[in-house]
Amino acid sequence: MEEIVKKIQASIDEIKPFLQQDGGDIELIEVTPDFTV
């Protein structure tokens, strides 16, 4: 599970610059046991 969370965070980190250029952002809060992000 820890490795998957790291991959999810890395993917979110790739998205962040696109959101930030429009004045937004995104934060990972939780990954549930059934992989709802």
PDB file of all heavy atoms in Angstrom:
ATOM      1  N   MET A   1       0.829  -1.196   0.000  1.00  0.00           N
ATOM      2  CA  MET A   1       0.000   0.000   0.000  1.00  0.00           C
ATOM      3  C   MET A   1       0.872   1.258   0.000  1.00  0.00           C
ATOM      4  O   MET A   1       0.558   2.215  -0.700  1.00  0.00           O
ATOM      5  CB  MET A   1      -0.929  -0.038   1.226  1.00  0.00           C
ATOM      6  CG  MET A   1      -1.792   1.170   1.377  1.00  0.00           C
ATOM      7  SD  MET A   1      -3.177   1.163   0.239  1.00  0.00           S
ATOM      8  CE  MET A   1      -4.273   2.278   1.013  1.00  0.00           C
ATOM      9  N   GLU A   2       1.946   1.249   0.756  1.00  0.00           N
ATOM     10  CA  GLU A   2       2.828   2.423   0.848  1.00  0.00           C
ATOM     11  C   GLU A   2       3.425   2.786  -0.512  1.00  0.00           C
ATOM     12  O   GLU A   2       3.516   3.959  -0.870  1.00  0.00           O
ATOM     13  CB  GLU A   2       3.950   2.158   1.864  1.00  0.00           C
ATOM     14  CG  GLU A   2       4.838   3.359   2.103  1.00  0.00           C
ATOM     15  CD  GLU A   2       5.914   3.072   3.139  1.00  0.00           C
ATOM     16  OE1 GLU A   2       5.657   2.311   4.091  1.00  0.00           O
ATOM     17  OE2 GLU A   2       7.013   3.626   2.985  1.00  0.00           O
ATOM     18  N   GLU A   3       3.793   1.774  -1.278  1.00  0.00           N
ATOM     19  CA  GLU A   3       4.367   2.015  -2.611  1.00  0.00           C
ATOM     20  C   GLU A   3       3.324   2.635  -3.549  1.00  0.00           C
ATOM     21  O   GLU A   3       3.643   3.535  -4.334  1.00  0.00           O
ATOM     22  CB  GLU A   3       4.908   0.705  -3.202  1.00  0.00           C
ATOM     23  CG  GLU A   3       5.710   0.897  -4.447  1.00  0.00           C
ATOM     24  CD  GLU A   3       6.955   1.763  -4.259  1.00  0.00           C
ATOM     25  OE1 GLU A   3       7.596   1.704  -3.201  1.00  0.00           O
ATOM     26  OE2 GLU A   3       7.274   2.508  -5.199  1.00  0.00           O
ATOM     27  N   ILE A   4       2.092   2.184  -3.444  1.00  0.00           N
ATOM     28  CA  ILE A   4       1.022   2.731  -4.280  1.00  0.00           C
ATOM     29  C   ILE A   4       0.752   4.191  -3.908  1.00  0.00           C
ATOM     30  O   ILE A   4       0.570   5.035  -4.783  1.00  0.00           O
ATOM     31  CB  ILE A   4      -0.246   1.862  -4.176  1.00  0.00           C
ATOM     32  CG1 ILE A   4       0.017   0.516  -4.857  1.00  0.00           C
ATOM     33  CG2 ILE A   4      -1.452   2.569  -4.789  1.00  0.00           C
ATOM     34  CD1 ILE A   4      -1.060  -0.507  -4.689  1.00  0.00           C
ATOM     35  N   VAL A   5       0.752   4.492  -2.625  1.00  0.00           N
ATOM     36  CA  VAL A   5       0.551   5.876  -2.178  1.00  0.00           C
ATOM     37  C   VAL A   5       1.666   6.770  -2.723  1.00  0.00           C
ATOM     38  O   VAL A   5       1.409   7.890  -3.173  1.00  0.00           O
ATOM     39  CB  VAL A   5       0.453   5.963  -0.638  1.00  0.00           C
ATOM     40  CG1 VAL A   5       0.431   7.415  -0.173  1.00  0.00           C
ATOM     41  CG2 VAL A   5      -0.785   5.234  -0.138  1.00  0.00           C
ATOM     42  N   LYS A   6       2.885   6.271  -2.741  1.00  0.00           N
ATOM     43  CA  LYS A   6       4.001   7.045  -3.304  1.00  0.00           C
ATOM     44  C   LYS A   6       3.794   7.318  -4.788  1.00  0.00           C
ATOM     45  O   LYS A   6       4.060   8.412  -5.279  1.00  0.00           O
ATOM     46  CB  LYS A   6       5.330   6.308  -3.090  1.00  0.00           C
ATOM     47  CG  LYS A   6       5.848   6.357  -1.677  1.00  0.00           C
ATOM     48  CD  LYS A   6       7.162   5.632  -1.562  1.00  0.00           C
ATOM     49  CE  LYS A   6       7.653   5.601  -0.129  1.00  0.00           C
ATOM     50  NZ  LYS A   6       8.921   4.888   0.003  1.00  0.00           N
ATOM     51  N   LYS A   7       3.298   6.319  -5.517  1.00  0.00           N
ATOM     52  CA  LYS A   7       3.030   6.495  -6.949  1.00  0.00           C
ATOM     53  C   LYS A   7       1.905   7.504  -7.167  1.00  0.00           C
ATOM     54  O   LYS A   7       1.969   8.323  -8.089  1.00  0.00           O
ATOM     55  CB  LYS A   7       2.657   5.155  -7.591  1.00  0.00           C
ATOM     56  CG  LYS A   7       3.821   4.202  -7.732  1.00  0.00           C
ATOM     57  CD  LYS A   7       3.363   2.913  -8.372  1.00  0.00           C
ATOM     58  CE  LYS A   7       4.498   1.922  -8.483  1.00  0.00           C
ATOM     59  NZ  LYS A   7       4.058   0.648  -9.080  1.00  0.00           N
ATOM     60  N   ILE A   8       0.880   7.437  -6.327  1.00  0.00           N
ATOM     61  CA  ILE A   8      -0.230   8.387  -6.425  1.00  0.00           C
ATOM     62  C   ILE A   8       0.268   9.801  -6.161  1.00  0.00           C
ATOM     63  O   ILE A   8      -0.069  10.730  -6.898  1.00  0.00           O
ATOM     64  CB  ILE A   8      -1.369   7.991  -5.458  1.00  0.00           C
ATOM     65  CG1 ILE A   8      -2.035   6.701  -5.948  1.00  0.00           C
ATOM     66  CG2 ILE A   8      -2.382   9.124  -5.299  1.00  0.00           C
ATOM     67  CD1 ILE A   8      -2.986   6.057  -4.960  1.00  0.00           C
ATOM     68  N   GLN A   9       1.091   9.974  -5.128  1.00  0.00           N
ATOM     69  CA  GLN A   9       1.618  11.298  -4.814  1.00  0.00           C
ATOM     70  C   GLN A   9       2.486  11.822  -5.952  1.00  0.00           C
ATOM     71  O   GLN A   9       2.414  12.994  -6.310  1.00  0.00           O
ATOM     72  CB  GLN A   9       2.422  11.275  -3.506  1.00  0.00           C
ATOM     73  CG  GLN A   9       2.942  12.643  -3.088  1.00  0.00           C
ATOM     74  CD  GLN A   9       1.834  13.637  -2.799  1.00  0.00           C
ATOM     75  OE1 GLN A   9       1.026  13.419  -1.916  1.00  0.00           O
ATOM     76  NE2 GLN A   9       1.786  14.736  -3.542  1.00  0.00           N
ATOM     77  N   ALA A  10       3.278  10.959  -6.548  1.00  0.00           N
ATOM     78  CA  ALA A  10       4.128  11.370  -7.669  1.00  0.00           C
ATOM     79  C   ALA A  10       3.274  11.821  -8.856  1.00  0.00           C
ATOM     80  O   ALA A  10       3.590  12.812  -9.521  1.00  0.00           O
ATOM     81  CB  ALA A  10       5.053  10.223  -8.082  1.00  0.00           C
ATOM     82  N   SER A  11       2.183  11.119  -9.110  1.00  0.00           N
ATOM     83  CA  SER A  11       1.286  11.488 -10.193  1.00  0.00           C
ATOM     84  C   SER A  11       0.626  12.838  -9.906  1.00  0.00           C
ATOM     85  O   SER A  11       0.518  13.696 -10.790  1.00  0.00           O
ATOM     86  CB  SER A  11       0.229  10.394 -10.382  1.00  0.00           C
ATOM     87  OG  SER A  11      -0.545  10.638 -11.516  1.00  0.00           O
ATOM     88  N   ILE A  12       0.193  13.042  -8.676  1.00  0.00           N
ATOM     89  CA  ILE A  12      -0.399  14.327  -8.278  1.00  0.00           C
ATOM     90  C   ILE A  12       0.632  15.444  -8.415  1.00  0.00           C
ATOM     91  O   ILE A  12       0.304  16.541  -8.875  1.00  0.00           O
ATOM     92  CB  ILE A  12      -0.968  14.242  -6.843  1.00  0.00           C
ATOM     93  CG1 ILE A  12      -2.250  13.402  -6.861  1.00  0.00           C
ATOM     94  CG2 ILE A  12      -1.236  15.635  -6.267  1.00  0.00           C
ATOM     95  CD1 ILE A  12      -2.828  13.098  -5.499  1.00  0.00           C
ATOM     96  N   ASP A  13       1.869  15.163  -8.056  1.00  0.00           N
ATOM     97  CA  ASP A  13       2.928  16.174  -8.182  1.00  0.00           C
ATOM     98  C   ASP A  13       3.135  16.594  -9.638  1.00  0.00           C
ATOM     99  O   ASP A  13       3.518  17.733  -9.902  1.00  0.00           O
ATOM    100  CB  ASP A  13       4.240  15.663  -7.581  1.00  0.00           C
ATOM    101  CG  ASP A  13       4.198  15.596  -6.057  1.00  0.00           C
ATOM    102  OD1 ASP A  13       3.294  16.203  -5.444  1.00  0.00           O
ATOM    103  OD2 ASP A  13       5.064  14.915  -5.474  1.00  0.00           O
ATOM    104  N   GLU A  14       2.869  15.698 -10.582  1.00  0.00           N
ATOM    105  CA  GLU A  14       2.974  16.036 -12.002  1.00  0.00           C
ATOM    106  C   GLU A  14       1.819  16.935 -12.448  1.00  0.00           C
ATOM    107  O   GLU A  14       1.963  17.731 -13.373  1.00  0.00           O
ATOM    108  CB  GLU A  14       2.990  14.765 -12.856  1.00  0.00           C
ATOM    109  CG  GLU A  14       4.257  13.962 -12.714  1.00  0.00           C
ATOM    110  CD  GLU A  14       4.232  12.688 -13.541  1.00  0.00           C
ATOM    111  OE1 GLU A  14       3.434  12.586 -14.503  1.00  0.00           O
ATOM    112  OE2 GLU A  14       5.011  11.767 -13.235  1.00  0.00           O
ATOM    113  N   ILE A  15       0.672  16.805 -11.808  1.00  0.00           N
ATOM    114  CA  ILE A  15      -0.520  17.584 -12.146  1.00  0.00           C
ATOM    115  C   ILE A  15      -0.456  18.996 -11.562  1.00  0.00           C
ATOM    116  O   ILE A  15      -0.945  19.955 -12.163  1.00  0.00           O
ATOM    117  CB  ILE A  15      -1.791  16.860 -11.619  1.00  0.00           C
ATOM    118  CG1 ILE A  15      -1.957  15.515 -12.317  1.00  0.00           C
ATOM    119  CG2 ILE A  15      -3.031  17.717 -11.782  1.00  0.00           C
ATOM    120  CD1 ILE A  15      -2.957  14.599 -11.655  1.00  0.00           C
ATOM    121  N   LYS A  16       0.155  19.117 -10.387  1.00  0.00           N
ATOM    122  CA  LYS A  16       0.176  20.390  -9.652  1.00  0.00           C
ATOM    123  C   LYS A  16       0.554  21.617 -10.481  1.00  0.00           C
ATOM    124  O   LYS A  16      -0.137  22.629 -10.411  1.00  0.00           O
ATOM    125  CB  LYS A  16       1.124  20.294  -8.447  1.00  0.00           C
ATOM    126  CG  LYS A  16       0.524  19.640  -7.251  1.00  0.00           C
ATOM    127  CD  LYS A  16       1.558  19.598  -6.122  1.00  0.00           C
ATOM    128  CE  LYS A  16       0.951  19.105  -4.856  1.00  0.00           C
ATOM    129  NZ  LYS A  16       0.612  20.159  -3.944  1.00  0.00           N
ATOM    130  N   PRO A  17       1.620  21.580 -11.280  1.00  0.00           N
ATOM    131  CA  PRO A  17       1.995  22.795 -12.018  1.00  0.00           C
ATOM    132  C   PRO A  17       0.897  23.308 -12.943  1.00  0.00           C
ATOM    133  O   PRO A  17       0.742  24.517 -13.113  1.00  0.00           O
ATOM    134  CB  PRO A  17       3.227  22.363 -12.821  1.00  0.00           C
ATOM    135  CG  PRO A  17       3.787  21.198 -12.083  1.00  0.00           C
ATOM    136  CD  PRO A  17       2.608  20.512 -11.472  1.00  0.00           C
ATOM    137  N   PHE A  18       0.117  22.413 -13.531  1.00  0.00           N
ATOM    138  CA  PHE A  18      -0.959  22.822 -14.423  1.00  0.00           C
ATOM    139  C   PHE A  18      -2.068  23.531 -13.649  1.00  0.00           C
ATOM    140  O   PHE A  18      -2.632  24.512 -14.119  1.00  0.00           O
ATOM    141  CB  PHE A  18      -1.522  21.615 -15.183  1.00  0.00           C
ATOM    142  CG  PHE A  18      -0.495  20.957 -16.056  1.00  0.00           C
ATOM    143  CD1 PHE A  18       0.151  19.795 -15.657  1.00  0.00           C
ATOM    144  CD2 PHE A  18      -0.146  21.521 -17.276  1.00  0.00           C
ATOM    145  CE1 PHE A  18       1.106  19.189 -16.449  1.00  0.00           C
ATOM    146  CE2 PHE A  18       0.816  20.927 -18.088  1.00  0.00           C
ATOM    147  CZ  PHE A  18       1.445  19.760 -17.672  1.00  0.00           C
ATOM    148  N   LEU A  19      -2.368  23.031 -12.459  1.00  0.00           N
ATOM    149  CA  LEU A  19      -3.384  23.670 -11.632  1.00  0.00           C
ATOM    150  C   LEU A  19      -2.868  24.991 -11.061  1.00  0.00           C
ATOM    151  O   LEU A  19      -3.608  25.975 -10.988  1.00  0.00           O
ATOM    152  CB  LEU A  19      -3.816  22.732 -10.501  1.00  0.00           C
ATOM    153  CG  LEU A  19      -4.441  21.403 -10.931  1.00  0.00           C
ATOM    154  CD1 LEU A  19      -4.752  20.543  -9.716  1.00  0.00           C
ATOM    155  CD2 LEU A  19      -5.669  21.614 -11.776  1.00  0.00           C
ATOM    156  N   GLN A  20      -1.598  25.007 -10.675  1.00  0.00           N
ATOM    157  CA  GLN A  20      -1.015  26.203 -10.071  1.00  0.00           C
ATOM    158  C   GLN A  20      -0.935  27.362 -11.064  1.00  0.00           C
ATOM    159  O   GLN A  20      -1.080  28.511 -10.674  1.00  0.00           O
ATOM    160  CB  GLN A  20       0.359  25.880  -9.483  1.00  0.00           C
ATOM    161  CG  GLN A  20       0.257  24.998  -8.257  1.00  0.00           C
ATOM    162  CD  GLN A  20       1.591  24.429  -7.794  1.00  0.00           C
ATOM    163  OE1 GLN A  20       2.563  24.379  -8.549  1.00  0.00           O
ATOM    164  NE2 GLN A  20       1.634  23.984  -6.546  1.00  0.00           N
ATOM    165  N   GLN A  21      -0.728  27.085 -12.333  1.00  0.00           N
ATOM    166  CA  GLN A  21      -0.642  28.169 -13.313  1.00  0.00           C
ATOM    167  C   GLN A  21      -1.991  28.865 -13.493  1.00  0.00           C
ATOM    168  O   GLN A  21      -2.047  29.980 -13.986  1.00  0.00           O
ATOM    169  CB  GLN A  21      -0.076  27.697 -14.643  1.00  0.00           C
ATOM    170  CG  GLN A  21      -0.994  26.863 -15.487  1.00  0.00           C
ATOM    171  CD  GLN A  21      -0.295  26.327 -16.729  1.00  0.00           C
ATOM    172  OE1 GLN A  21       0.909  26.089 -16.727  1.00  0.00           O
ATOM    173  NE2 GLN A  21      -1.041  26.113 -17.784  1.00  0.00           N
ATOM    174  N   ASP A  22      -3.076  28.216 -13.062  1.00  0.00           N
ATOM    175  CA  ASP A  22      -4.404  28.834 -13.113  1.00  0.00           C
ATOM    176  C   ASP A  22      -4.858  29.305 -11.738  1.00  0.00           C
ATOM    177  O   ASP A  22      -6.033  29.607 -11.535  1.00  0.00           O
ATOM    178  CB  ASP A  22      -5.424  27.848 -13.681  1.00  0.00           C
ATOM    179  CG  ASP A  22      -5.241  27.617 -15.173  1.00  0.00           C
ATOM    180  OD1 ASP A  22      -4.797  28.553 -15.871  1.00  0.00           O
ATOM    181  OD2 ASP A  22      -5.534  26.513 -15.645  1.00  0.00           O
ATOM    182  N   GLY A  23      -3.938  29.352 -10.774  1.00  0.00           N
ATOM    183  CA  GLY A  23      -4.261  29.845  -9.437  1.00  0.00           C
ATOM    184  C   GLY A  23      -4.844  28.810  -8.499  1.00  0.00           C
ATOM    185  O   GLY A  23      -5.387  29.139  -7.447  1.00  0.00           O
ATOM    186  N   GLY A  24      -4.729  27.533  -8.859  1.00  0.00           N
ATOM    187  CA  GLY A  24      -5.263  26.468  -8.024  1.00  0.00           C
ATOM    188  C   GLY A  24      -4.164  25.573  -7.495  1.00  0.00           C
ATOM    189  O   GLY A  24      -2.980  25.823  -7.687  1.00  0.00           O
ATOM    190  N   ASP A  25      -4.588  24.525  -6.827  1.00  0.00           N
ATOM    191  CA  ASP A  25      -3.649  23.536  -6.310  1.00  0.00           C
ATOM    192  C   ASP A  25      -4.442  22.291  -5.921  1.00  0.00           C
ATOM    193  O   ASP A  25      -5.670  22.295  -5.917  1.00  0.00           O
ATOM    194  CB  ASP A  25      -2.883  24.080  -5.099  1.00  0.00           C
ATOM    195  CG  ASP A  25      -1.494  23.445  -4.951  1.00  0.00           C
ATOM    196  OD1 ASP A  25      -1.245  22.398  -5.589  1.00  0.00           O
ATOM    197  OD2 ASP A  25      -0.677  23.986  -4.211  1.00  0.00           O
ATOM    198  N   ILE A  26      -3.718  21.235  -5.583  1.00  0.00           N
ATOM    199  CA  ILE A  26      -4.330  19.981  -5.164  1.00  0.00           C
ATOM    200  C   ILE A  26      -3.467  19.372  -4.070  1.00  0.00           C
ATOM    201  O   ILE A  26      -2.242  19.471  -4.098  1.00  0.00           O
ATOM    202  CB  ILE A  26      -4.488  19.017  -6.363  1.00  0.00           C
ATOM    203  CG1 ILE A  26      -5.280  17.779  -5.961  1.00  0.00           C
ATOM    204  CG2 ILE A  26      -3.149  18.643  -6.954  1.00  0.00           C
ATOM    205  CD1 ILE A  26      -5.700  16.910  -7.140  1.00  0.00           C
ATOM    206  N   GLU A  27      -4.127  18.770  -3.093  1.00  0.00           N
ATOM    207  CA  GLU A  27      -3.427  18.137  -1.967  1.00  0.00           C
ATOM    208  C   GLU A  27      -3.986  16.737  -1.776  1.00  0.00           C
ATOM    209  O   GLU A  27      -5.203  16.543  -1.765  1.00  0.00           O
ATOM    210  CB  GLU A  27      -3.666  18.974  -0.702  1.00  0.00           C
ATOM    211  CG  GLU A  27      -3.140  18.360   0.561  1.00  0.00           C
ATOM    212  CD  GLU A  27      -3.554  19.140   1.809  1.00  0.00           C
ATOM    213  OE1 GLU A  27      -4.395  20.052   1.719  1.00  0.00           O
ATOM    214  OE2 GLU A  27      -3.040  18.809   2.875  1.00  0.00           O
ATOM    215  N   LEU A  28      -3.100  15.755  -1.640  1.00  0.00           N
ATOM    216  CA  LEU A  28      -3.518  14.388  -1.340  1.00  0.00           C
ATOM    217  C   LEU A  28      -3.886  14.314   0.135  1.00  0.00           C
ATOM    218  O   LEU A  28      -3.081  14.672   1.000  1.00  0.00           O
ATOM    219  CB  LEU A  28      -2.394  13.390  -1.651  1.00  0.00           C
ATOM    220  CG  LEU A  28      -2.664  11.930  -1.298  1.00  0.00           C
ATOM    221  CD1 LEU A  28      -3.849  11.383  -2.079  1.00  0.00           C
ATOM    222  CD2 LEU A  28      -1.429  11.090  -1.543  1.00  0.00           C
ATOM    223  N   ILE A  29      -5.099  13.868   0.427  1.00  0.00           N
ATOM    224  CA  ILE A  29      -5.569  13.752   1.803  1.00  0.00           C
ATOM    225  C   ILE A  29      -5.453  12.314   2.305  1.00  0.00           C
ATOM    226  O   ILE A  29      -4.932  12.068   3.381  1.00  0.00           O
ATOM    227  CB  ILE A  29      -7.040  14.231   1.926  1.00  0.00           C
ATOM    228  CG1 ILE A  29      -7.175  15.674   1.447  1.00  0.00           C
ATOM    229  CG2 ILE A  29      -7.558  14.065   3.352  1.00  0.00           C
ATOM    230  CD1 ILE A  29      -6.359  16.687   2.213  1.00  0.00           C
ATOM    231  N   GLU A  30      -5.938  11.364   1.500  1.00  0.00           N
ATOM    232  CA  GLU A  30      -5.989   9.976   1.969  1.00  0.00           C
ATOM    233  C   GLU A  30      -6.160   9.032   0.793  1.00  0.00           C
ATOM    234  O   GLU A  30      -6.755   9.385  -0.218  1.00  0.00           O
ATOM    235  CB  GLU A  30      -7.192   9.818   2.924  1.00  0.00           C
ATOM    236  CG  GLU A  30      -7.410   8.421   3.438  1.00  0.00           C
ATOM    237  CD  GLU A  30      -8.699   8.279   4.257  1.00  0.00           C
ATOM    238  OE1 GLU A  30      -9.504   9.222   4.322  1.00  0.00           O
ATOM    239  OE2 GLU A  30      -8.884   7.190   4.814  1.00  0.00           O
ATOM    240  N   VAL A  31      -5.639   7.834   0.940  1.00  0.00           N
ATOM    241  CA  VAL A  31      -5.932   6.733   0.031  1.00  0.00           C
ATOM    242  C   VAL A  31      -6.575   5.654   0.895  1.00  0.00           C
ATOM    243  O   VAL A  31      -5.965   5.154   1.833  1.00  0.00           O
ATOM    244  CB  VAL A  31      -4.658   6.196  -0.662  1.00  0.00           C
ATOM    245  CG1 VAL A  31      -5.023   5.025  -1.571  1.00  0.00           C
ATOM    246  CG2 VAL A  31      -3.949   7.290  -1.432  1.00  0.00           C
ATOM    247  N   THR A  32      -7.824   5.327   0.586  1.00  0.00           N
ATOM    248  CA  THR A  32      -8.554   4.353   1.398  1.00  0.00           C
ATOM    249  C   THR A  32      -8.113   2.931   1.033  1.00  0.00           C
ATOM    250  O   THR A  32      -7.490   2.719  -0.017  1.00  0.00           O
ATOM    251  CB  THR A  32     -10.076   4.491   1.181  1.00  0.00           C
ATOM    252  OG1 THR A  32     -10.388   4.120  -0.158  1.00  0.00           O
ATOM    253  CG2 THR A  32     -10.554   5.915   1.478  1.00  0.00           C
ATOM    254  N   PRO A  33      -8.451   1.948   1.866  1.00  0.00           N
ATOM    255  CA  PRO A  33      -8.071   0.559   1.573  1.00  0.00           C
ATOM    256  C   PRO A  33      -8.604   0.036   0.232  1.00  0.00           C
ATOM    257  O   PRO A  33      -8.004  -0.848  -0.362  1.00  0.00           O
ATOM    258  CB  PRO A  33      -8.664  -0.234   2.742  1.00  0.00           C
ATOM    259  CG  PRO A  33      -8.706   0.761   3.865  1.00  0.00           C
ATOM    260  CD  PRO A  33      -9.032   2.075   3.207  1.00  0.00           C
ATOM    261  N   ASP A  34      -9.723   0.603  -0.253  1.00  0.00           N
ATOM    262  CA  ASP A  34     -10.245   0.168  -1.556  1.00  0.00           C
ATOM    263  C   ASP A  34      -9.710   1.037  -2.703  1.00  0.00           C
ATOM    264  O   ASP A  34     -10.222   0.975  -3.816  1.00  0.00           O
ATOM    265  CB  ASP A  34     -11.775   0.130  -1.564  1.00  0.00           C
ATOM    266  CG  ASP A  34     -12.403   1.525  -1.547  1.00  0.00           C
ATOM    267  OD1 ASP A  34     -11.704   2.518  -1.244  1.00  0.00           O
ATOM    268  OD2 ASP A  34     -13.606   1.620  -1.840  1.00  0.00           O
ATOM    269  N   PHE A  35      -8.692   1.850  -2.413  1.00  0.00           N
ATOM    270  CA  PHE A  35      -7.989   2.694  -3.391  1.00  0.00           C
ATOM    271  C   PHE A  35      -8.838   3.829  -3.951  1.00  0.00           C
ATOM    272  O   PHE A  35      -8.690   4.217  -5.100  1.00  0.00           O
ATOM    273  CB  PHE A  35      -7.370   1.850  -4.515  1.00  0.00           C
ATOM    274  CG  PHE A  35      -6.346   0.892  -4.001  1.00  0.00           C
ATOM    275  CD1 PHE A  35      -6.611  -0.464  -3.947  1.00  0.00           C
ATOM    276  CD2 PHE A  35      -5.126   1.349  -3.533  1.00  0.00           C
ATOM    277  CE1 PHE A  35      -5.670  -1.360  -3.447  1.00  0.00           C
ATOM    278  CE2 PHE A  35      -4.174   0.465  -3.040  1.00  0.00           C
ATOM    279  CZ  PHE A  35      -4.455  -0.888  -2.990  1.00  0.00           C
ATOM    280  N   THR A  36      -9.721   4.353  -3.105  1.00  0.00           N
ATOM    281  CA  THR A  36     -10.366   5.626  -3.403  1.00  0.00           C
ATOM    282  C   THR A  36      -9.387   6.699  -2.940  1.00  0.00           C
ATOM    283  O   THR A  36      -8.894   6.661  -1.818  1.00  0.00           O
ATOM    284  CB  THR A  36     -11.707   5.766  -2.665  1.00  0.00           C
ATOM    285  OG1 THR A  36     -12.606   4.767  -3.159  1.00  0.00           O
ATOM    286  CG2 THR A  36     -12.321   7.143  -2.868  1.00  0.00           C
ATOM    287  N   VAL A  37      -9.085   7.632  -3.821  1.00  0.00           N
ATOM    288  CA  VAL A  37      -8.124   8.687  -3.520  1.00  0.00           C
ATOM    289  C   VAL A  37      -8.900   9.943  -3.140  1.00  0.00           C
ATOM    290  O   VAL A  37      -9.717  10.435  -3.913  1.00  0.00           O
ATOM    291  CB  VAL A  37      -7.211   8.965  -4.729  1.00  0.00           C
ATOM    292  CG1 VAL A  37      -6.249  10.107  -4.433  1.00  0.00           C
ATOM    293  CG2 VAL A  37      -6.454   7.704  -5.117  1.00  0.00           C
TER     294      VAL A  37
END
